[in-house]
Amino acid sequence: MPDVFDDLDTISIAAIGDAITYTPAGGSPRTVKGWVDHRPDLIDFEVSSGVSAEATIEVNKSDIAVLNKDGDRFTLPRTGKTYKLAAAPQHSKSGRQWLLAVVATAL
């Protein structure tokens, strides 16, 4: 029996999510929808701080089943930059989405 929340997540992201260009390692680019938070994640070292991620992306696992930390790339429409995973992918509380911390790739 399908979960109604899976449908709601899919419908919400499809209707108002950001169009993200996802390029899997060694694969062809394709568009997926997701939420993008452009606020940087900061690590506080008491005397200084550092950026651990430039943005966070939330996408449905049904759109991206498997992630490759070293090779997958994401192009975000707001910045036009290409990003890579900064850390291992995390799961949302529901387990239905990937939470991806990303940093811009070097040109």
C-alpha atoms as a PDB file:
ATOM      1  CA  MET A   1       0.000   0.000   0.000  1.00  0.00           C
ATOM      2  CA  PRO A   2       1.521   3.364  -0.985  1.00  0.00           C
ATOM      3  CA  ASP A   3       2.341   5.897   1.726  1.00  0.00           C
ATOM      4  CA  VAL A   4       0.308   9.128   1.349  1.00  0.00           C
ATOM      5  CA  PHE A   5       3.287  11.158   2.597  1.00  0.00           C
ATOM      6  CA  ASP A   6       5.471   9.879  -0.248  1.00  0.00           C
ATOM      7  CA  ASP A   7       2.899  11.275  -2.672  1.00  0.00           C
ATOM      8  CA  LEU A   8       2.709  14.581  -0.782  1.00  0.00           C
ATOM      9  CA  ASP A   9       6.514  14.966  -0.807  1.00  0.00           C
ATOM     10  CA  THR A  10       6.637  14.246  -4.527  1.00  0.00           C
ATOM     11  CA  ILE A  11       3.763  16.605  -5.361  1.00  0.00           C
ATOM     12  CA  SER A  12       5.162  19.459  -3.216  1.00  0.00           C
ATOM     13  CA  ILE A  13       8.658  19.258  -4.639  1.00  0.00           C
ATOM     14  CA  ALA A  14       7.348  18.889  -8.214  1.00  0.00           C
ATOM     15  CA  ALA A  15       5.114  21.954  -7.827  1.00  0.00           C
ATOM     16  CA  ILE A  16       7.385  24.431  -6.060  1.00  0.00           C
ATOM     17  CA  GLY A  17      10.830  22.853  -5.769  1.00  0.00           C
ATOM     18  CA  ASP A  18      13.990  24.158  -7.410  1.00  0.00           C
ATOM     19  CA  ALA A  19      15.039  22.582 -10.720  1.00  0.00           C
ATOM     20  CA  ILE A  20      18.474  21.103 -10.002  1.00  0.00           C
ATOM     21  CA  THR A  21      20.714  19.631 -12.669  1.00  0.00           C
ATOM     22  CA  TYR A  22      22.040  16.360 -11.281  1.00  0.00           C
ATOM     23  CA  THR A  23      24.960  14.647 -13.019  1.00  0.00           C
ATOM     24  CA  PRO A  24      25.812  11.221 -11.627  1.00  0.00           C
ATOM     25  CA  ALA A  25      29.440  10.088 -11.717  1.00  0.00           C
ATOM     26  CA  GLY A  26      30.153   8.994 -15.288  1.00  0.00           C
ATOM     27  CA  GLY A  27      26.560   9.673 -16.351  1.00  0.00           C
ATOM     28  CA  SER A  28      24.502  12.220 -18.228  1.00  0.00           C
ATOM     29  CA  PRO A  29      22.951  15.299 -16.622  1.00  0.00           C
ATOM     30  CA  ARG A  30      19.258  15.266 -15.801  1.00  0.00           C
ATOM     31  CA  THR A  31      16.898  17.616 -14.006  1.00  0.00           C
ATOM     32  CA  VAL A  32      15.487  16.732 -10.600  1.00  0.00           C
ATOM     33  CA  LYS A  33      13.378  18.872  -8.280  1.00  0.00           C
ATOM     34  CA  GLY A  34      14.350  19.601  -4.704  1.00  0.00           C
ATOM     35  CA  TRP A  35      14.676  22.196  -1.976  1.00  0.00           C
ATOM     36  CA  VAL A  36      17.867  24.263  -1.813  1.00  0.00           C
ATOM     37  CA  ASP A  37      18.975  26.150   1.289  1.00  0.00           C
ATOM     38  CA  HIS A  38      21.718  28.591   0.298  1.00  0.00           C
ATOM     39  CA  ARG A  39      22.731  29.439   3.867  1.00  0.00           C
ATOM     40  CA  PRO A  40      26.225  28.133   4.576  1.00  0.00           C
ATOM     41  CA  ASP A  41      26.824  25.642   7.368  1.00  0.00           C
ATOM     42  CA  LEU A  42      29.486  26.998   9.699  1.00  0.00           C
ATOM     43  CA  ILE A  43      31.760  25.141  12.078  1.00  0.00           C
ATOM     44  CA  ASP A  44      32.737  27.245  15.098  1.00  0.00           C
ATOM     45  CA  PHE A  45      36.277  26.669  16.371  1.00  0.00           C
ATOM     46  CA  GLU A  46      35.885  29.285  19.165  1.00  0.00           C
ATOM     47  CA  VAL A  47      38.737  31.463  17.802  1.00  0.00           C
ATOM     48  CA  SER A  48      37.572  31.222  14.184  1.00  0.00           C
ATOM     49  CA  SER A  49      34.954  29.533  12.046  1.00  0.00           C
ATOM     50  CA  GLY A  50      34.936  27.670   8.762  1.00  0.00           C
ATOM     51  CA  VAL A  51      32.371  26.792   6.122  1.00  0.00           C
ATOM     52  CA  SER A  52      31.556  23.093   5.998  1.00  0.00           C
ATOM     53  CA  ALA A  53      28.943  23.457   3.228  1.00  0.00           C
ATOM     54  CA  GLU A  54      27.881  26.284   0.924  1.00  0.00           C
ATOM     55  CA  ALA A  55      24.346  24.978   0.494  1.00  0.00           C
ATOM     56  CA  THR A  56      22.100  22.098   1.499  1.00  0.00           C
ATOM     57  CA  ILE A  57      19.955  20.221  -1.015  1.00  0.00           C
ATOM     58  CA  GLU A  58      16.954  18.055  -0.160  1.00  0.00           C
ATOM     59  CA  VAL A  59      15.765  15.669  -2.882  1.00  0.00           C
ATOM     60  CA  ASN A  60      13.438  12.677  -2.923  1.00  0.00           C
ATOM     61  CA  LYS A  61      15.207   9.342  -2.770  1.00  0.00           C
ATOM     62  CA  SER A  62      12.847   8.194  -5.517  1.00  0.00           C
ATOM     63  CA  ASP A  63      14.572  10.711  -7.853  1.00  0.00           C
ATOM     64  CA  ILE A  64      18.145   9.798  -6.887  1.00  0.00           C
ATOM     65  CA  ALA A  65      18.402   6.250  -5.601  1.00  0.00           C
ATOM     66  CA  VAL A  66      22.198   6.024  -5.185  1.00  0.00           C
ATOM     67  CA  LEU A  67      24.759   8.764  -4.575  1.00  0.00           C
ATOM     68  CA  ASN A  68      28.506   8.763  -5.252  1.00  0.00           C
ATOM     69  CA  LYS A  69      30.248  11.198  -2.882  1.00  0.00           C
ATOM     70  CA  ASP A  70      33.292  11.601  -5.103  1.00  0.00           C
ATOM     71  CA  GLY A  71      31.733  11.927  -8.536  1.00  0.00           C
ATOM     72  CA  ASP A  72      28.180  13.252  -8.448  1.00  0.00           C
ATOM     73  CA  ARG A  73      27.642  16.928  -9.337  1.00  0.00           C
ATOM     74  CA  PHE A  74      24.730  19.329  -8.823  1.00  0.00           C
ATOM     75  CA  THR A  75      24.185  22.604 -10.690  1.00  0.00           C
ATOM     76  CA  LEU A  76      21.968  25.037  -8.804  1.00  0.00           C
ATOM     77  CA  PRO A  77      19.833  27.542 -10.736  1.00  0.00           C
ATOM     78  CA  ARG A  78      20.229  30.464  -8.310  1.00  0.00           C
ATOM     79  CA  THR A  79      24.026  30.540  -8.527  1.00  0.00           C
ATOM     80  CA  GLY A  80      24.708  28.743 -11.811  1.00  0.00           C
ATOM     81  CA  LYS A  81      27.617  27.016 -10.053  1.00  0.00           C
ATOM     82  CA  THR A  82      28.349  23.316  -9.981  1.00  0.00           C
ATOM     83  CA  TYR A  83      28.615  21.685  -6.566  1.00  0.00           C
ATOM     84  CA  LYS A  84      29.855  18.401  -5.156  1.00  0.00           C
ATOM     85  CA  LEU A  85      29.014  16.593  -1.945  1.00  0.00           C
ATOM     86  CA  ALA A  86      30.926  17.960   1.047  1.00  0.00           C
ATOM     87  CA  ALA A  87      30.046  15.033   3.300  1.00  0.00           C
ATOM     88  CA  ALA A  88      28.322  11.680   3.232  1.00  0.00           C
ATOM     89  CA  PRO A  89      24.627  11.993   2.334  1.00  0.00           C
ATOM     90  CA  GLN A  90      22.207  12.126   5.266  1.00  0.00           C
ATOM     91  CA  HIS A  91      18.574  11.018   5.453  1.00  0.00           C
ATOM     92  CA  SER A  92      15.633  13.230   6.377  1.00  0.00           C
ATOM     93  CA  LYS A  93      13.715  12.344   9.536  1.00  0.00           C
ATOM     94  CA  SER A  94      11.086  10.620   7.419  1.00  0.00           C
ATOM     95  CA  GLY A  95      13.752   8.672   5.526  1.00  0.00           C
ATOM     96  CA  ARG A  96      12.182   9.732   2.203  1.00  0.00           C
ATOM     97  CA  GLN A  97      14.693  12.413   1.205  1.00  0.00           C
ATOM     98  CA  TRP A  98      18.423  12.836   0.913  1.00  0.00           C
ATOM     99  CA  LEU A  99      19.919  15.810   2.773  1.00  0.00           C
ATOM    100  CA  LEU A 100      23.041  16.811   0.878  1.00  0.00           C
ATOM    101  CA  ALA A 101      25.667  19.277   2.107  1.00  0.00           C
ATOM    102  CA  VAL A 102      27.455  20.674  -0.955  1.00  0.00           C
ATOM    103  CA  VAL A 103      30.409  22.907  -1.818  1.00  0.00           C
ATOM    104  CA  ALA A 104      31.271  24.533  -5.154  1.00  0.00           C
ATOM    105  CA  THR A 105      33.687  22.648  -7.364  1.00  0.00           C
ATOM    106  CA  ALA A 106      36.938  24.297  -8.431  1.00  0.00           C
ATOM    107  CA  LEU A 107      36.968  25.673 -11.965  1.00  0.00           C
END
